[in-house]
Protein backbone atom coordinates (compact mmCIF):
# COMPACT_ATOMS: atom_id res chain seq x y z
CA UNK A 1 0.00 0.00 0.00
CA UNK A 2 2.90 2.34 0.77
CA UNK A 3 4.38 1.77 -2.69
CA UNK A 4 1.03 2.60 -4.28
CA UNK A 5 0.80 5.88 -2.36
CA UNK A 6 4.36 6.76 -3.32
CA UNK A 7 3.62 6.03 -6.98
CA UNK A 8 0.48 8.19 -6.91
CA UNK A 9 2.27 11.05 -5.17
CA UNK A 10 5.14 11.00 -7.68
CA UNK A 11 3.00 10.56 -10.81
CA UNK A 12 -0.24 12.28 -9.81
CA UNK A 13 -0.64 14.21 -13.07
CA UNK A 14 -0.39 11.07 -15.19
CA UNK A 15 -2.75 9.24 -12.85
CA UNK A 16 -5.22 12.11 -13.01
CA UNK A 17 -5.09 12.18 -16.82
CA UNK A 18 -5.53 8.40 -16.99
CA UNK A 19 -8.50 8.52 -14.61
CA UNK A 20 -10.08 11.34 -16.63
CA UNK A 21 -9.72 9.46 -19.90
CA UNK A 22 -11.11 6.29 -18.30
CA UNK A 23 -14.08 8.24 -16.89
CA UNK A 24 -14.77 9.75 -20.33
CA UNK A 25 -14.63 6.35 -22.02
CA UNK A 26 -16.99 4.84 -19.44
CA UNK A 27 -19.48 7.67 -19.95
CA UNK A 28 -19.24 7.28 -23.72
CA UNK A 29 -19.75 3.52 -23.42
CA UNK A 30 -22.76 3.83 -21.10
CA UNK A 31 -24.49 6.46 -23.22
CA UNK A 32 -24.02 4.46 -26.45
CA UNK A 33 -26.61 1.82 -25.44
CA UNK A 34 -30.37 2.14 -25.34
CA UNK A 35 -31.84 1.75 -21.84
CA UNK A 36 -33.90 -1.43 -21.41
CA UNK A 37 -36.64 0.39 -19.46
CA UNK A 38 -37.77 3.94 -18.70
CA UNK A 39 -36.33 3.93 -15.17
CA UNK A 40 -32.78 3.57 -16.52
CA UNK A 41 -33.18 6.26 -19.18
CA UNK A 42 -30.71 9.06 -18.58
CA UNK A 43 -32.14 12.42 -17.59
CA UNK A 44 -28.93 14.20 -18.60
CA UNK A 45 -26.93 14.01 -21.78
CA UNK A 46 -23.39 12.69 -21.76
CA UNK A 47 -22.13 16.23 -22.42
CA UNK A 48 -23.92 17.53 -19.33
CA UNK A 49 -22.27 14.91 -17.16
CA UNK A 50 -18.84 15.58 -18.63
CA UNK A 51 -19.32 19.34 -18.21
CA UNK A 52 -20.20 18.78 -14.54
CA UNK A 53 -17.12 16.59 -14.02
CA UNK A 54 -14.94 19.19 -15.76
CA UNK A 55 -16.31 21.95 -13.54
CA UNK A 56 -15.54 19.95 -10.41
CA UNK A 57 -12.06 19.24 -11.73
CA UNK A 58 -11.42 22.93 -12.39
CA UNK A 59 -12.60 23.70 -8.86
CA UNK A 60 -10.07 21.26 -7.41
CA UNK A 61 -7.39 22.76 -9.65
CA UNK A 62 -8.20 26.25 -8.36
CA UNK A 63 -8.00 25.06 -4.75
CA UNK A 64 -4.65 23.37 -5.43
CA UNK A 65 -3.26 26.50 -7.12
CA UNK A 66 -4.38 28.71 -4.23
CA UNK A 67 -2.72 26.42 -1.68
CA UNK A 68 0.47 26.37 -3.75
CA UNK A 69 0.44 30.17 -4.09
CA UNK A 70 -0.06 30.60 -0.32
CA UNK A 71 2.88 28.28 0.38
CA UNK A 72 5.10 30.31 -1.95
CA UNK A 73 4.00 33.58 -0.32
CA UNK A 74 4.70 32.20 3.15
CA UNK A 75 8.25 31.25 2.12
CA UNK A 76 8.94 34.78 0.84
CA UNK A 77 7.73 36.50 4.02
PDB file of N, CA and C in Angstrom:
ATOM      1  N   UNK A   1       0.829  -1.200   0.000  1.00  0.00           N
ATOM      2  CA  UNK A   1       0.000   0.000   0.000  1.00  0.00           C
ATOM      3  C   UNK A   1       0.871   1.262   0.000  1.00  0.00           C
ATOM      4  N   UNK A   2       2.003   1.194   0.702  1.00  0.00           N
ATOM      5  CA  UNK A   2       2.895   2.343   0.769  1.00  0.00           C
ATOM      6  C   UNK A   2       3.496   2.639  -0.607  1.00  0.00           C
ATOM      7  N   UNK A   3       3.840   1.575  -1.353  1.00  0.00           N
ATOM      8  CA  UNK A   3       4.382   1.766  -2.692  1.00  0.00           C
ATOM      9  C   UNK A   3       3.357   2.412  -3.623  1.00  0.00           C
ATOM     10  N   UNK A   4       2.093   2.025  -3.466  1.00  0.00           N
ATOM     11  CA  UNK A   4       1.032   2.600  -4.282  1.00  0.00           C
ATOM     12  C   UNK A   4       0.885   4.089  -3.998  1.00  0.00           C
ATOM     13  N   UNK A   5       0.911   4.461  -2.728  1.00  0.00           N
ATOM     14  CA  UNK A   5       0.801   5.881  -2.360  1.00  0.00           C
ATOM     15  C   UNK A   5       1.996   6.669  -2.870  1.00  0.00           C
ATOM     16  N   UNK A   6       3.180   6.082  -2.796  1.00  0.00           N
ATOM     17  CA  UNK A   6       4.365   6.758  -3.319  1.00  0.00           C
ATOM     18  C   UNK A   6       4.264   6.951  -4.824  1.00  0.00           C
ATOM     19  N   UNK A   7       3.770   5.926  -5.529  1.00  0.00           N
ATOM     20  CA  UNK A   7       3.621   6.030  -6.981  1.00  0.00           C
ATOM     21  C   UNK A   7       2.636   7.134  -7.338  1.00  0.00           C
ATOM     22  N   UNK A   8       1.499   7.167  -6.636  1.00  0.00           N
ATOM     23  CA  UNK A   8       0.481   8.187  -6.906  1.00  0.00           C
ATOM     24  C   UNK A   8       1.030   9.577  -6.610  1.00  0.00           C
ATOM     25  N   UNK A   9       1.756   9.725  -5.516  1.00  0.00           N
ATOM     26  CA  UNK A   9       2.271  11.054  -5.168  1.00  0.00           C
ATOM     27  C   UNK A   9       3.344  11.525  -6.145  1.00  0.00           C
ATOM     28  N   UNK A  10       4.106  10.614  -6.718  1.00  0.00           N
ATOM     29  CA  UNK A  10       5.138  11.001  -7.680  1.00  0.00           C
ATOM     30  C   UNK A  10       4.575  11.244  -9.077  1.00  0.00           C
ATOM     31  N   UNK A  11       3.546  10.502  -9.447  1.00  0.00           N
ATOM     32  CA  UNK A  11       3.001  10.562 -10.805  1.00  0.00           C
ATOM     33  C   UNK A  11       1.530  10.967 -10.791  1.00  0.00           C
ATOM     34  N   UNK A  12       1.173  11.952  -9.987  1.00  0.00           N
ATOM     35  CA  UNK A  12      -0.238  12.284  -9.807  1.00  0.00           C
ATOM     36  C   UNK A  12      -0.849  12.892 -11.055  1.00  0.00           C
ATOM     37  N   UNK A  13      -0.081  13.607 -11.851  1.00  0.00           N
ATOM     38  CA  UNK A  13      -0.638  14.213 -13.068  1.00  0.00           C
ATOM     39  C   UNK A  13      -0.999  13.119 -14.073  1.00  0.00           C
ATOM     40  N   UNK A  14      -0.101  12.179 -14.279  1.00  0.00           N
ATOM     41  CA  UNK A  14      -0.392  11.073 -15.193  1.00  0.00           C
ATOM     42  C   UNK A  14      -1.554  10.228 -14.715  1.00  0.00           C
ATOM     43  N   UNK A  15      -1.627  10.000 -13.404  1.00  0.00           N
ATOM     44  CA  UNK A  15      -2.751   9.236 -12.846  1.00  0.00           C
ATOM     45  C   UNK A  15      -4.057   9.989 -13.037  1.00  0.00           C
ATOM     46  N   UNK A  16      -4.021  11.306 -12.843  1.00  0.00           N
ATOM     47  CA  UNK A  16      -5.223  12.112 -13.008  1.00  0.00           C
ATOM     48  C   UNK A  16      -5.690  12.100 -14.470  1.00  0.00           C
ATOM     49  N   UNK A  17      -4.747  12.218 -15.393  1.00  0.00           N
ATOM     50  CA  UNK A  17      -5.095  12.181 -16.821  1.00  0.00           C
ATOM     51  C   UNK A  17      -5.665  10.815 -17.187  1.00  0.00           C
ATOM     52  N   UNK A  18      -5.046   9.753 -16.699  1.00  0.00           N
ATOM     53  CA  UNK A  18      -5.531   8.400 -16.986  1.00  0.00           C
ATOM     54  C   UNK A  18      -6.939   8.190 -16.425  1.00  0.00           C
ATOM     55  N   UNK A  19      -7.182   8.655 -15.204  1.00  0.00           N
ATOM     56  CA  UNK A  19      -8.500   8.518 -14.606  1.00  0.00           C
ATOM     57  C   UNK A  19      -9.536   9.338 -15.376  1.00  0.00           C
ATOM     58  N   UNK A  20      -9.163  10.509 -15.859  1.00  0.00           N
ATOM     59  CA  UNK A  20     -10.082  11.344 -16.631  1.00  0.00           C
ATOM     60  C   UNK A  20     -10.446  10.690 -17.958  1.00  0.00           C
ATOM     61  N   UNK A  21      -9.456  10.141 -18.630  1.00  0.00           N
ATOM     62  CA  UNK A  21      -9.721   9.456 -19.902  1.00  0.00           C
ATOM     63  C   UNK A  21     -10.590   8.228 -19.670  1.00  0.00           C
ATOM     64  N   UNK A  22     -10.307   7.472 -18.622  1.00  0.00           N
ATOM     65  CA  UNK A  22     -11.109   6.293 -18.297  1.00  0.00           C
ATOM     66  C   UNK A  22     -12.552   6.692 -17.982  1.00  0.00           C
ATOM     67  N   UNK A  23     -12.746   7.752 -17.213  1.00  0.00           N
ATOM     68  CA  UNK A  23     -14.085   8.241 -16.892  1.00  0.00           C
ATOM     69  C   UNK A  23     -14.833   8.630 -18.159  1.00  0.00           C
ATOM     70  N   UNK A  24     -14.149   9.330 -19.072  1.00  0.00           N
ATOM     71  CA  UNK A  24     -14.771   9.749 -20.326  1.00  0.00           C
ATOM     72  C   UNK A  24     -15.165   8.547 -21.172  1.00  0.00           C
ATOM     73  N   UNK A  25     -14.302   7.545 -21.240  1.00  0.00           N
ATOM     74  CA  UNK A  25     -14.630   6.347 -22.020  1.00  0.00           C
ATOM     75  C   UNK A  25     -15.802   5.577 -21.419  1.00  0.00           C
ATOM     76  N   UNK A  26     -15.865   5.511 -20.098  1.00  0.00           N
ATOM     77  CA  UNK A  26     -16.986   4.835 -19.439  1.00  0.00           C
ATOM     78  C   UNK A  26     -18.293   5.567 -19.732  1.00  0.00           C
ATOM     79  N   UNK A  27     -18.280   6.897 -19.640  1.00  0.00           N
ATOM     80  CA  UNK A  27     -19.485   7.675 -19.947  1.00  0.00           C
ATOM     81  C   UNK A  27     -19.897   7.467 -21.396  1.00  0.00           C
ATOM     82  N   UNK A  28     -18.942   7.505 -22.304  1.00  0.00           N
ATOM     83  CA  UNK A  28     -19.242   7.284 -23.720  1.00  0.00           C
ATOM     84  C   UNK A  28     -19.843   5.897 -23.938  1.00  0.00           C
ATOM     85  N   UNK A  29     -19.265   4.893 -23.290  1.00  0.00           N
ATOM     86  CA  UNK A  29     -19.748   3.525 -23.419  1.00  0.00           C
ATOM     87  C   UNK A  29     -21.171   3.397 -22.875  1.00  0.00           C
ATOM     88  N   UNK A  30     -21.436   3.959 -21.709  1.00  0.00           N
ATOM     89  CA  UNK A  30     -22.759   3.834 -21.096  1.00  0.00           C
ATOM     90  C   UNK A  30     -23.845   4.571 -21.884  1.00  0.00           C
ATOM     91  N   UNK A  31     -23.497   5.707 -22.475  1.00  0.00           N
ATOM     92  CA  UNK A  31     -24.492   6.463 -23.222  1.00  0.00           C
ATOM     93  C   UNK A  31     -24.661   5.956 -24.658  1.00  0.00           C
ATOM     94  N   UNK A  32     -23.883   4.974 -25.086  1.00  0.00           N
ATOM     95  CA  UNK A  32     -24.019   4.464 -26.448  1.00  0.00           C
ATOM     96  C   UNK A  32     -25.062   3.354 -26.554  1.00  0.00           C
ATOM     97  N   UNK A  33     -25.589   2.874 -25.432  1.00  0.00           N
ATOM     98  CA  UNK A  33     -26.606   1.819 -25.438  1.00  0.00           C
ATOM     99  C   UNK A  33     -27.969   2.383 -25.091  1.00  0.00           C
ATOM    100  N   UNK A  34     -28.986   1.771 -25.665  1.00  0.00           N
ATOM    101  CA  UNK A  34     -30.373   2.135 -25.342  1.00  0.00           C
ATOM    102  C   UNK A  34     -30.740   1.515 -23.997  1.00  0.00           C
ATOM    103  N   UNK A  35     -31.433   2.261 -23.155  1.00  0.00           N
ATOM    104  CA  UNK A  35     -31.841   1.753 -21.841  1.00  0.00           C
ATOM    105  C   UNK A  35     -32.941   0.708 -22.018  1.00  0.00           C
ATOM    106  N   UNK A  36     -32.888  -0.391 -21.253  1.00  0.00           N
ATOM    107  CA  UNK A  36     -33.902  -1.435 -21.407  1.00  0.00           C
ATOM    108  C   UNK A  36     -35.282  -1.047 -20.861  1.00  0.00           C
ATOM    109  N   UNK A  37     -35.338  -0.081 -19.953  1.00  0.00           N
ATOM    110  CA  UNK A  37     -36.640   0.394 -19.457  1.00  0.00           C
ATOM    111  C   UNK A  37     -36.555   1.888 -19.164  1.00  0.00           C
ATOM    112  N   UNK A  38     -37.716   2.493 -18.893  1.00  0.00           N
ATOM    113  CA  UNK A  38     -37.771   3.944 -18.697  1.00  0.00           C
ATOM    114  C   UNK A  38     -37.043   4.403 -17.433  1.00  0.00           C
ATOM    115  N   UNK A  39     -36.982   3.548 -16.414  1.00  0.00           N
ATOM    116  CA  UNK A  39     -36.328   3.933 -15.166  1.00  0.00           C
ATOM    117  C   UNK A  39     -34.829   4.181 -15.379  1.00  0.00           C
ATOM    118  N   UNK A  40     -34.221   3.441 -16.277  1.00  0.00           N
ATOM    119  CA  UNK A  40     -32.781   3.568 -16.519  1.00  0.00           C
ATOM    120  C   UNK A  40     -32.442   4.592 -17.594  1.00  0.00           C
ATOM    121  N   UNK A  41     -33.432   5.243 -18.157  1.00  0.00           N
ATOM    122  CA  UNK A  41     -33.175   6.261 -19.180  1.00  0.00           C
ATOM    123  C   UNK A  41     -32.524   7.474 -18.527  1.00  0.00           C
ATOM    124  N   UNK A  42     -31.456   7.939 -19.136  1.00  0.00           N
ATOM    125  CA  UNK A  42     -30.707   9.062 -18.576  1.00  0.00           C
ATOM    126  C   UNK A  42     -31.514  10.350 -18.665  1.00  0.00           C
ATOM    127  N   UNK A  43     -31.469  11.122 -17.611  1.00  0.00           N
ATOM    128  CA  UNK A  43     -32.137  12.424 -17.591  1.00  0.00           C
ATOM    129  C   UNK A  43     -31.222  13.516 -18.138  1.00  0.00           C
ATOM    130  N   UNK A  44     -29.926  13.274 -18.072  1.00  0.00           N
ATOM    131  CA  UNK A  44     -28.927  14.199 -18.600  1.00  0.00           C
ATOM    132  C   UNK A  44     -28.334  13.624 -19.871  1.00  0.00           C
ATOM    133  N   UNK A  45     -27.718  14.473 -20.647  1.00  0.00           N
ATOM    134  CA  UNK A  45     -26.927  14.006 -21.780  1.00  0.00           C
ATOM    135  C   UNK A  45     -25.515  13.705 -21.299  1.00  0.00           C
ATOM    136  N   UNK A  46     -24.775  12.993 -22.122  1.00  0.00           N
ATOM    137  CA  UNK A  46     -23.390  12.685 -21.763  1.00  0.00           C
ATOM    138  C   UNK A  46     -22.567  13.970 -21.632  1.00  0.00           C
ATOM    139  N   UNK A  47     -22.853  14.957 -22.485  1.00  0.00           N
ATOM    140  CA  UNK A  47     -22.130  16.229 -22.422  1.00  0.00           C
ATOM    141  C   UNK A  47     -22.389  16.971 -21.124  1.00  0.00           C
ATOM    142  N   UNK A  48     -23.613  16.884 -20.614  1.00  0.00           N
ATOM    143  CA  UNK A  48     -23.925  17.530 -19.335  1.00  0.00           C
ATOM    144  C   UNK A  48     -23.118  16.914 -18.199  1.00  0.00           C
ATOM    145  N   UNK A  49     -23.029  15.590 -18.203  1.00  0.00           N
ATOM    146  CA  UNK A  49     -22.273  14.908 -17.161  1.00  0.00           C
ATOM    147  C   UNK A  49     -20.788  15.228 -17.241  1.00  0.00           C
ATOM    148  N   UNK A  50     -20.253  15.255 -18.470  1.00  0.00           N
ATOM    149  CA  UNK A  50     -18.835  15.581 -18.632  1.00  0.00           C
ATOM    150  C   UNK A  50     -18.552  17.044 -18.282  1.00  0.00           C
ATOM    151  N   UNK A  51     -19.495  17.933 -18.580  1.00  0.00           N
ATOM    152  CA  UNK A  51     -19.320  19.344 -18.205  1.00  0.00           C
ATOM    153  C   UNK A  51     -19.313  19.489 -16.686  1.00  0.00           C
ATOM    154  N   UNK A  52     -20.178  18.752 -15.997  1.00  0.00           N
ATOM    155  CA  UNK A  52     -20.201  18.784 -14.536  1.00  0.00           C
ATOM    156  C   UNK A  52     -18.875  18.281 -13.971  1.00  0.00           C
ATOM    157  N   UNK A  53     -18.387  17.153 -14.496  1.00  0.00           N
ATOM    158  CA  UNK A  53     -17.119  16.591 -14.016  1.00  0.00           C
ATOM    159  C   UNK A  53     -15.964  17.554 -14.289  1.00  0.00           C
ATOM    160  N   UNK A  54     -15.995  18.220 -15.430  1.00  0.00           N
ATOM    161  CA  UNK A  54     -14.941  19.192 -15.755  1.00  0.00           C
ATOM    162  C   UNK A  54     -14.982  20.383 -14.816  1.00  0.00           C
ATOM    163  N   UNK A  55     -16.171  20.830 -14.456  1.00  0.00           N
ATOM    164  CA  UNK A  55     -16.309  21.950 -13.537  1.00  0.00           C
ATOM    165  C   UNK A  55     -15.762  21.593 -12.160  1.00  0.00           C
ATOM    166  N   UNK A  56     -16.065  20.401 -11.694  1.00  0.00           N
ATOM    167  CA  UNK A  56     -15.541  19.953 -10.405  1.00  0.00           C
ATOM    168  C   UNK A  56     -14.017  19.855 -10.457  1.00  0.00           C
ATOM    169  N   UNK A  57     -13.500  19.345 -11.558  1.00  0.00           N
ATOM    170  CA  UNK A  57     -12.056  19.239 -11.729  1.00  0.00           C
ATOM    171  C   UNK A  57     -11.390  20.613 -11.704  1.00  0.00           C
ATOM    172  N   UNK A  58     -11.981  21.573 -12.393  1.00  0.00           N
ATOM    173  CA  UNK A  58     -11.418  22.932 -12.388  1.00  0.00           C
ATOM    174  C   UNK A  58     -11.489  23.555 -10.997  1.00  0.00           C
ATOM    175  N   UNK A  59     -12.514  23.225 -10.237  1.00  0.00           N
ATOM    176  CA  UNK A  59     -12.602  23.701  -8.863  1.00  0.00           C
ATOM    177  C   UNK A  59     -11.464  23.157  -8.011  1.00  0.00           C
ATOM    178  N   UNK A  60     -11.198  21.845  -8.144  1.00  0.00           N
ATOM    179  CA  UNK A  60     -10.073  21.257  -7.412  1.00  0.00           C
ATOM    180  C   UNK A  60      -8.749  21.854  -7.862  1.00  0.00           C
ATOM    181  N   UNK A  61      -8.612  22.131  -9.142  1.00  0.00           N
ATOM    182  CA  UNK A  61      -7.393  22.759  -9.652  1.00  0.00           C
ATOM    183  C   UNK A  61      -7.212  24.150  -9.058  1.00  0.00           C
ATOM    184  N   UNK A  62      -8.287  24.915  -8.950  1.00  0.00           N
ATOM    185  CA  UNK A  62      -8.204  26.252  -8.361  1.00  0.00           C
ATOM    186  C   UNK A  62      -7.809  26.179  -6.892  1.00  0.00           C
ATOM    187  N   UNK A  63      -8.363  25.222  -6.158  1.00  0.00           N
ATOM    188  CA  UNK A  63      -7.999  25.059  -4.747  1.00  0.00           C
ATOM    189  C   UNK A  63      -6.521  24.710  -4.629  1.00  0.00           C
ATOM    190  N   UNK A  64      -6.057  23.782  -5.464  1.00  0.00           N
ATOM    191  CA  UNK A  64      -4.654  23.372  -5.431  1.00  0.00           C
ATOM    192  C   UNK A  64      -3.737  24.544  -5.749  1.00  0.00           C
ATOM    193  N   UNK A  65      -4.092  25.349  -6.753  1.00  0.00           N
ATOM    194  CA  UNK A  65      -3.259  26.496  -7.115  1.00  0.00           C
ATOM    195  C   UNK A  65      -3.225  27.526  -5.996  1.00  0.00           C
ATOM    196  N   UNK A  66      -4.358  27.750  -5.334  1.00  0.00           N
ATOM    197  CA  UNK A  66      -4.382  28.709  -4.229  1.00  0.00           C
ATOM    198  C   UNK A  66      -3.507  28.245  -3.072  1.00  0.00           C
ATOM    199  N   UNK A  67      -3.570  26.944  -2.759  1.00  0.00           N
ATOM    200  CA  UNK A  67      -2.724  26.423  -1.685  1.00  0.00           C
ATOM    201  C   UNK A  67      -1.249  26.551  -2.053  1.00  0.00           C
ATOM    202  N   UNK A  68      -0.923  26.256  -3.302  1.00  0.00           N
ATOM    203  CA  UNK A  68       0.466  26.368  -3.747  1.00  0.00           C
ATOM    204  C   UNK A  68       0.947  27.814  -3.687  1.00  0.00           C
ATOM    205  N   UNK A  69       0.098  28.741  -4.109  1.00  0.00           N
ATOM    206  CA  UNK A  69       0.443  30.167  -4.086  1.00  0.00           C
ATOM    207  C   UNK A  69       0.647  30.645  -2.644  1.00  0.00           C
ATOM    208  N   UNK A  70      -0.205  30.207  -1.727  1.00  0.00           N
ATOM    209  CA  UNK A  70      -0.059  30.600  -0.320  1.00  0.00           C
ATOM    210  C   UNK A  70       1.241  30.070   0.266  1.00  0.00           C
ATOM    211  N   UNK A  71       1.625  28.849  -0.121  1.00  0.00           N
ATOM    212  CA  UNK A  71       2.877  28.285   0.385  1.00  0.00           C
ATOM    213  C   UNK A  71       4.063  29.076  -0.137  1.00  0.00           C
ATOM    214  N   UNK A  72       4.007  29.508  -1.383  1.00  0.00           N
ATOM    215  CA  UNK A  72       5.104  30.306  -1.949  1.00  0.00           C
ATOM    216  C   UNK A  72       5.172  31.659  -1.251  1.00  0.00           C
ATOM    217  N   UNK A  73       4.029  32.287  -1.001  1.00  0.00           N
ATOM    218  CA  UNK A  73       4.004  33.576  -0.322  1.00  0.00           C
ATOM    219  C   UNK A  73       4.517  33.477   1.104  1.00  0.00           C
ATOM    220  N   UNK A  74       4.219  32.374   1.777  1.00  0.00           N
ATOM    221  CA  UNK A  74       4.701  32.198   3.145  1.00  0.00           C
ATOM    222  C   UNK A  74       6.209  32.023   3.189  1.00  0.00           C
ATOM    223  N   UNK A  75       6.793  31.423   2.151  1.00  0.00           N
ATOM    224  CA  UNK A  75       8.250  31.251   2.124  1.00  0.00           C
ATOM    225  C   UNK A  75       8.942  32.586   1.888  1.00  0.00           C
ATOM    226  N   UNK A  76       8.337  33.477   1.134  1.00  0.00           N
ATOM    227  CA  UNK A  76       8.943  34.783   0.843  1.00  0.00           C
ATOM    228  C   UNK A  76       8.948  35.663   2.081  1.00  0.00           C
ATOM    229  N   UNK A  77       7.851  35.613   2.849  1.00  0.00           N
ATOM    230  CA  UNK A  77       7.731  36.503   4.017  1.00  0.00           C
ATOM    231  C   UNK A  77       8.647  36.106   5.139  1.00  0.00           C
TER     232      UNK A  77
END
